[in-house]
Amino acid sequence: MSINFEILKKQILSCKICKERFGFMPRPVFHGNKQTKIMQISQAPSHNVSISGKPFDDLSGKRLITEWYQITDKEFYNKNNFYITSMAHCYPGKLKSGGDRLPPKICSDKWLMKEMEVVESEIIILIGRTAASYFFPNGNYTDLIFNDNFINDKLTIILPHPSPLNIKWFKDNPRFNDIRILEIRKIIHSLIK
């Protein structure tokens, strides 16, 4: 049965299934059109994004948009260029040890799979280990980043998380900044320019 995109958007925006799990009112965040060039899937909105309601409205977003993609905010937030979503549509809260909680799998299973069915993108970009592991559970994370992958015959690019805290991975893998991101940027620019 075909999924109506507008109905799906309303269902996701009204979802509160994690209210008890989080201990606060969830705020689903995603952005884009059904017809788009790039479907981008990350782990979950940050606390800042949960407040602003604008995906990647934080330091990770600044690095992703300005440094890695080298595009303008206008190009990134153009709904015909990017459909921006996450494994979990809401900020999941903090762990007692400091970092953010992992996104609850119920969100990916309930909503993300429906989005994947209905959004008609040319390519997919997965950001971070959590998203990569969900779609490629047996893949080596670093190998996935340095190779082209495919989901349903669509080119699928894996990016490391652009968080400023993700220092060790970049130190261990200088080829990402020297080679791989240049290849990825070229693909993105060819699609949106």
C-alpha atoms as a PDB file:
ATOM      1  CA  MET A   1       0.000   0.000   0.000  1.00  0.00           C
ATOM      2  CA  SER A   2       1.302   3.417  -1.010  1.00  0.00           C
ATOM      3  CA  ILE A   3       2.155   5.864   1.781  1.00  0.00           C
ATOM      4  CA  ASN A   4       0.895   9.447   1.521  1.00  0.00           C
ATOM      5  CA  PHE A   5       3.817  11.747   2.291  1.00  0.00           C
ATOM      6  CA  GLU A   6       1.732  14.541   3.837  1.00  0.00           C
ATOM      7  CA  ILE A   7      -0.051  12.113   6.150  1.00  0.00           C
ATOM      8  CA  LEU A   8       3.280  10.535   7.137  1.00  0.00           C
ATOM      9  CA  LYS A   9       4.719  13.971   7.990  1.00  0.00           C
ATOM     10  CA  LYS A  10       1.745  14.726  10.242  1.00  0.00           C
ATOM     11  CA  GLN A  11       2.041  11.337  11.951  1.00  0.00           C
ATOM     12  CA  ILE A  12       5.751  11.810  12.654  1.00  0.00           C
ATOM     13  CA  LEU A  13       5.272  15.365  13.940  1.00  0.00           C
ATOM     14  CA  SER A  14       2.551  14.236  16.342  1.00  0.00           C
ATOM     15  CA  CYS A  15       4.473  11.152  17.603  1.00  0.00           C
ATOM     16  CA  LYS A  16       4.991  11.011  21.383  1.00  0.00           C
ATOM     17  CA  ILE A  17       5.798   7.279  21.795  1.00  0.00           C
ATOM     18  CA  CYS A  18       9.063   8.040  23.620  1.00  0.00           C
ATOM     19  CA  LYS A  19       7.619  10.480  26.174  1.00  0.00           C
ATOM     20  CA  GLU A  20       7.820   7.997  29.042  1.00  0.00           C
ATOM     21  CA  ARG A  21      11.224   6.682  27.930  1.00  0.00           C
ATOM     22  CA  PHE A  22      12.750  10.179  27.741  1.00  0.00           C
ATOM     23  CA  GLY A  23      10.995  11.731  30.737  1.00  0.00           C
ATOM     24  CA  PHE A  24      10.246  14.877  28.720  1.00  0.00           C
ATOM     25  CA  MET A  25       8.042  15.836  25.780  1.00  0.00           C
ATOM     26  CA  PRO A  26       9.641  14.652  22.512  1.00  0.00           C
ATOM     27  CA  ARG A  27       9.915  17.121  19.640  1.00  0.00           C
ATOM     28  CA  PRO A  28      10.246  15.410  16.233  1.00  0.00           C
ATOM     29  CA  VAL A  29      12.572  17.237  13.829  1.00  0.00           C
ATOM     30  CA  PHE A  30      13.018  16.541  10.111  1.00  0.00           C
ATOM     31  CA  HIS A  31      13.003  18.630   6.947  1.00  0.00           C
ATOM     32  CA  GLY A  32      12.396  18.106   3.241  1.00  0.00           C
ATOM     33  CA  ASN A  33      10.185  17.160   0.315  1.00  0.00           C
ATOM     34  CA  LYS A  34       9.137  13.837  -1.118  1.00  0.00           C
ATOM     35  CA  GLN A  35      11.075  14.597  -4.316  1.00  0.00           C
ATOM     36  CA  THR A  36      14.581  15.568  -3.316  1.00  0.00           C
ATOM     37  CA  LYS A  37      18.090  14.973  -4.536  1.00  0.00           C
ATOM     38  CA  ILE A  38      19.713  13.736  -1.316  1.00  0.00           C
ATOM     39  CA  MET A  39      18.213  11.863   1.632  1.00  0.00           C
ATOM     40  CA  GLN A  40      20.460  12.478   4.643  1.00  0.00           C
ATOM     41  CA  ILE A  41      20.050  10.290   7.737  1.00  0.00           C
ATOM     42  CA  SER A  42      21.929  10.951  10.981  1.00  0.00           C
ATOM     43  CA  GLN A  43      21.671   9.598  14.541  1.00  0.00           C
ATOM     44  CA  ALA A  44      19.291  11.990  16.321  1.00  0.00           C
ATOM     45  CA  PRO A  45      18.777  15.733  16.767  1.00  0.00           C
ATOM     46  CA  SER A  46      21.017  17.436  19.314  1.00  0.00           C
ATOM     47  CA  HIS A  47      19.604  19.372  22.260  1.00  0.00           C
ATOM     48  CA  ASN A  48      20.139  22.644  20.337  1.00  0.00           C
ATOM     49  CA  VAL A  49      18.268  21.262  17.322  1.00  0.00           C
ATOM     50  CA  SER A  50      15.441  20.108  19.574  1.00  0.00           C
ATOM     51  CA  ILE A  51      15.061  23.682  20.793  1.00  0.00           C
ATOM     52  CA  SER A  52      15.359  25.400  17.386  1.00  0.00           C
ATOM     53  CA  GLY A  53      13.495  22.736  15.380  1.00  0.00           C
ATOM     54  CA  LYS A  54      16.060  23.194  12.574  1.00  0.00           C
ATOM     55  CA  PRO A  55      18.192  20.124  11.690  1.00  0.00           C
ATOM     56  CA  PHE A  56      21.945  20.541  12.114  1.00  0.00           C
ATOM     57  CA  ASP A  57      21.533  23.956  13.736  1.00  0.00           C
ATOM     58  CA  ASP A  58      24.634  23.314  15.861  1.00  0.00           C
ATOM     59  CA  LEU A  59      28.423  22.962  15.663  1.00  0.00           C
ATOM     60  CA  SER A  60      28.141  19.608  13.868  1.00  0.00           C
ATOM     61  CA  GLY A  61      25.937  21.248  11.252  1.00  0.00           C
ATOM     62  CA  LYS A  62      28.352  24.108  10.736  1.00  0.00           C
ATOM     63  CA  ARG A  63      31.170  21.662  10.045  1.00  0.00           C
ATOM     64  CA  LEU A  64      28.998  19.490   7.796  1.00  0.00           C
ATOM     65  CA  ILE A  65      27.533  22.316   5.691  1.00  0.00           C
ATOM     66  CA  THR A  66      30.371  24.832   5.531  1.00  0.00           C
ATOM     67  CA  GLU A  67      33.529  22.734   5.781  1.00  0.00           C
ATOM     68  CA  TRP A  68      32.595  19.335   4.331  1.00  0.00           C
ATOM     69  CA  TYR A  69      29.857  20.049   1.783  1.00  0.00           C
ATOM     70  CA  GLN A  70      31.046  23.625   1.131  1.00  0.00           C
ATOM     71  CA  ILE A  71      27.548  24.806   0.324  1.00  0.00           C
ATOM     72  CA  THR A  72      25.380  27.615   1.681  1.00  0.00           C
ATOM     73  CA  ASP A  73      22.692  27.216   4.332  1.00  0.00           C
ATOM     74  CA  LYS A  74      20.214  28.146   1.608  1.00  0.00           C
ATOM     75  CA  GLU A  75      21.352  25.185  -0.508  1.00  0.00           C
ATOM     76  CA  PHE A  76      21.389  22.804   2.464  1.00  0.00           C
ATOM     77  CA  TYR A  77      17.932  23.754   3.722  1.00  0.00           C
ATOM     78  CA  ASN A  78      16.425  23.803   0.220  1.00  0.00           C
ATOM     79  CA  LYS A  79      13.850  20.998   0.511  1.00  0.00           C
ATOM     80  CA  ASN A  80      14.443  20.038  -3.119  1.00  0.00           C
ATOM     81  CA  ASN A  81      18.131  19.417  -2.382  1.00  0.00           C
ATOM     82  CA  PHE A  82      18.094  17.636   0.998  1.00  0.00           C
ATOM     83  CA  TYR A  83      15.593  15.562   2.935  1.00  0.00           C
ATOM     84  CA  ILE A  84      17.118  15.686   6.425  1.00  0.00           C
ATOM     85  CA  THR A  85      16.032  13.047   8.917  1.00  0.00           C
ATOM     86  CA  SER A  86      17.442  10.819  11.668  1.00  0.00           C
ATOM     87  CA  MET A  87      17.357   7.348  13.150  1.00  0.00           C
ATOM     88  CA  ALA A  88      15.369   8.998  15.936  1.00  0.00           C
ATOM     89  CA  HIS A  89      13.402  12.125  15.097  1.00  0.00           C
ATOM     90  CA  CYS A  90      13.648  13.544  18.619  1.00  0.00           C
ATOM     91  CA  TYR A  91      16.520  14.468  20.906  1.00  0.00           C
ATOM     92  CA  PRO A  92      16.852  11.385  23.155  1.00  0.00           C
ATOM     93  CA  GLY A  93      18.330  13.121  26.214  1.00  0.00           C
ATOM     94  CA  LYS A  94      21.676  12.806  27.981  1.00  0.00           C
ATOM     95  CA  LEU A  95      23.356   9.780  29.506  1.00  0.00           C
ATOM     96  CA  LYS A  96      24.479  10.087  33.126  1.00  0.00           C
ATOM     97  CA  SER A  97      28.044   9.639  31.818  1.00  0.00           C
ATOM     98  CA  GLY A  98      27.741  12.706  29.581  1.00  0.00           C
ATOM     99  CA  GLY A  99      26.975  11.993  25.916  1.00  0.00           C
ATOM    100  CA  ASP A 100      23.581  11.783  24.285  1.00  0.00           C
ATOM    101  CA  ARG A 101      21.532   8.607  24.623  1.00  0.00           C
ATOM    102  CA  LEU A 102      21.384   6.326  21.601  1.00  0.00           C
ATOM    103  CA  PRO A 103      18.274   6.757  19.459  1.00  0.00           C
ATOM    104  CA  PRO A 104      15.528   4.286  20.376  1.00  0.00           C
ATOM    105  CA  LYS A 105      15.169   1.634  17.665  1.00  0.00           C
ATOM    106  CA  ILE A 106      11.366   1.948  17.795  1.00  0.00           C
ATOM    107  CA  CYS A 107      11.629   5.293  15.965  1.00  0.00           C
ATOM    108  CA  SER A 108      13.694   3.899  13.084  1.00  0.00           C
ATOM    109  CA  ASP A 109      11.462   0.871  12.768  1.00  0.00           C
ATOM    110  CA  LYS A 110       8.223   2.855  12.947  1.00  0.00           C
ATOM    111  CA  TRP A 111       9.037   6.006  10.948  1.00  0.00           C
ATOM    112  CA  LEU A 112      12.361   5.910   9.123  1.00  0.00           C
ATOM    113  CA  MET A 113      11.492   2.825   7.091  1.00  0.00           C
ATOM    114  CA  LYS A 114       8.306   4.553   5.896  1.00  0.00           C
ATOM    115  CA  GLU A 115      10.299   7.655   4.977  1.00  0.00           C
ATOM    116  CA  MET A 116      12.720   5.468   3.006  1.00  0.00           C
ATOM    117  CA  GLU A 117       9.763   4.058   1.049  1.00  0.00           C
ATOM    118  CA  VAL A 118       8.212   7.400   0.170  1.00  0.00           C
ATOM    119  CA  VAL A 119      11.136   9.833  -0.291  1.00  0.00           C
ATOM    120  CA  GLU A 120      12.355   9.787  -3.887  1.00  0.00           C
ATOM    121  CA  SER A 121      16.003  10.810  -3.596  1.00  0.00           C
ATOM    122  CA  GLU A 122      18.831  10.192  -6.029  1.00  0.00           C
ATOM    123  CA  ILE A 123      21.349   9.278  -3.324  1.00  0.00           C
ATOM    124  CA  ILE A 124      21.435   8.585   0.433  1.00  0.00           C
ATOM    125  CA  ILE A 125      23.942   9.948   2.949  1.00  0.00           C
ATOM    126  CA  LEU A 126      24.248   8.202   6.319  1.00  0.00           C
ATOM    127  CA  ILE A 127      25.981  10.162   9.073  1.00  0.00           C
ATOM    128  CA  GLY A 128      27.692   8.405  11.968  1.00  0.00           C
ATOM    129  CA  ARG A 129      28.242   4.883  13.236  1.00  0.00           C
ATOM    130  CA  THR A 130      24.681   4.390  14.503  1.00  0.00           C
ATOM    131  CA  ALA A 131      23.093   5.043  11.098  1.00  0.00           C
ATOM    132  CA  ALA A 132      25.785   3.037   9.279  1.00  0.00           C
ATOM    133  CA  SER A 133      25.332   0.039  11.613  1.00  0.00           C
ATOM    134  CA  TYR A 134      21.561   0.070  11.226  1.00  0.00           C
ATOM    135  CA  PHE A 135      21.734  -0.302   7.441  1.00  0.00           C
ATOM    136  CA  PHE A 136      25.028  -2.221   7.191  1.00  0.00           C
ATOM    137  CA  PRO A 137      25.163  -4.277  10.415  1.00  0.00           C
ATOM    138  CA  ASN A 138      28.042  -6.474   9.242  1.00  0.00           C
ATOM    139  CA  GLY A 139      30.111  -3.730   7.634  1.00  0.00           C
ATOM    140  CA  ASN A 140      33.353  -2.310   8.969  1.00  0.00           C
ATOM    141  CA  TYR A 141      32.567   1.332   9.793  1.00  0.00           C
ATOM    142  CA  THR A 142      35.772   2.816   8.381  1.00  0.00           C
ATOM    143  CA  ASP A 143      35.586   0.680   5.225  1.00  0.00           C
ATOM    144  CA  LEU A 144      31.993   1.819   4.708  1.00  0.00           C
ATOM    145  CA  ILE A 145      33.115   5.450   4.872  1.00  0.00           C
ATOM    146  CA  PHE A 146      35.855   5.003   2.284  1.00  0.00           C
ATOM    147  CA  ASN A 147      33.746   2.975  -0.175  1.00  0.00           C
ATOM    148  CA  ASP A 148      30.594   3.609  -2.159  1.00  0.00           C
ATOM    149  CA  ASN A 149      27.674   1.571  -0.813  1.00  0.00           C
ATOM    150  CA  PHE A 150      24.147   0.941  -2.045  1.00  0.00           C
ATOM    151  CA  ILE A 151      20.673   0.692  -0.507  1.00  0.00           C
ATOM    152  CA  ASN A 152      17.985  -0.420  -2.967  1.00  0.00           C
ATOM    153  CA  ASP A 153      20.387   0.348  -5.852  1.00  0.00           C
ATOM    154  CA  LYS A 154      20.853   3.966  -4.647  1.00  0.00           C
ATOM    155  CA  LEU A 155      24.360   5.241  -4.067  1.00  0.00           C
ATOM    156  CA  THR A 156      24.756   5.442  -0.291  1.00  0.00           C
ATOM    157  CA  ILE A 157      27.584   7.504   1.186  1.00  0.00           C
ATOM    158  CA  ILE A 158      28.634   7.034   4.797  1.00  0.00           C
ATOM    159  CA  LEU A 159      30.109   9.983   6.677  1.00  0.00           C
ATOM    160  CA  PRO A 160      31.728   9.983  10.115  1.00  0.00           C
ATOM    161  CA  HIS A 161      29.878  12.121  12.610  1.00  0.00           C
ATOM    162  CA  PRO A 162      30.948  15.770  12.197  1.00  0.00           C
ATOM    163  CA  SER A 163      30.829  16.384  15.956  1.00  0.00           C
ATOM    164  CA  PRO A 164      33.763  18.435  17.278  1.00  0.00           C
ATOM    165  CA  LEU A 165      34.150  15.654  19.893  1.00  0.00           C
ATOM    166  CA  ASN A 166      34.893  13.030  17.205  1.00  0.00           C
ATOM    167  CA  ILE A 167      38.635  13.803  17.305  1.00  0.00           C
ATOM    168  CA  LYS A 168      40.210  10.330  17.468  1.00  0.00           C
ATOM    169  CA  TRP A 169      38.573   8.946  14.310  1.00  0.00           C
ATOM    170  CA  PHE A 170      39.813  11.891  12.215  1.00  0.00           C
ATOM    171  CA  LYS A 171      43.302  11.642  13.707  1.00  0.00           C
ATOM    172  CA  ASP A 172      43.394   7.921  12.849  1.00  0.00           C
ATOM    173  CA  ASN A 173      41.976   8.463   9.331  1.00  0.00           C
ATOM    174  CA  PRO A 174      43.570  11.538   7.690  1.00  0.00           C
ATOM    175  CA  ARG A 175      42.579  10.207   4.235  1.00  0.00           C
ATOM    176  CA  PHE A 176      39.026  11.335   4.972  1.00  0.00           C
ATOM    177  CA  ASN A 177      39.897  15.049   4.896  1.00  0.00           C
ATOM    178  CA  ASP A 178      42.598  14.617   2.256  1.00  0.00           C
ATOM    179  CA  ILE A 179      40.711  12.434  -0.253  1.00  0.00           C
ATOM    180  CA  ARG A 180      37.288  11.046   0.611  1.00  0.00           C
ATOM    181  CA  ILE A 181      35.430  14.247   1.482  1.00  0.00           C
ATOM    182  CA  LEU A 182      36.635  15.770  -1.822  1.00  0.00           C
ATOM    183  CA  GLU A 183      35.004  12.892  -3.712  1.00  0.00           C
ATOM    184  CA  ILE A 184      31.789  13.221  -1.704  1.00  0.00           C
ATOM    185  CA  ARG A 185      31.681  17.006  -2.138  1.00  0.00           C
ATOM    186  CA  LYS A 186      31.997  16.605  -5.905  1.00  0.00           C
ATOM    187  CA  ILE A 187      28.969  14.263  -5.945  1.00  0.00           C
ATOM    188  CA  ILE A 188      26.887  16.647  -3.808  1.00  0.00           C
ATOM    189  CA  HIS A 189      27.806  19.679  -5.931  1.00  0.00           C
ATOM    190  CA  SER A 190      26.925  17.818  -9.140  1.00  0.00           C
ATOM    191  CA  LEU A 191      23.449  17.099  -7.759  1.00  0.00           C
ATOM    192  CA  ILE A 192      22.501  20.480  -6.313  1.00  0.00           C
ATOM    193  CA  LYS A 193      24.217  22.989  -8.625  1.00  0.00           C
END
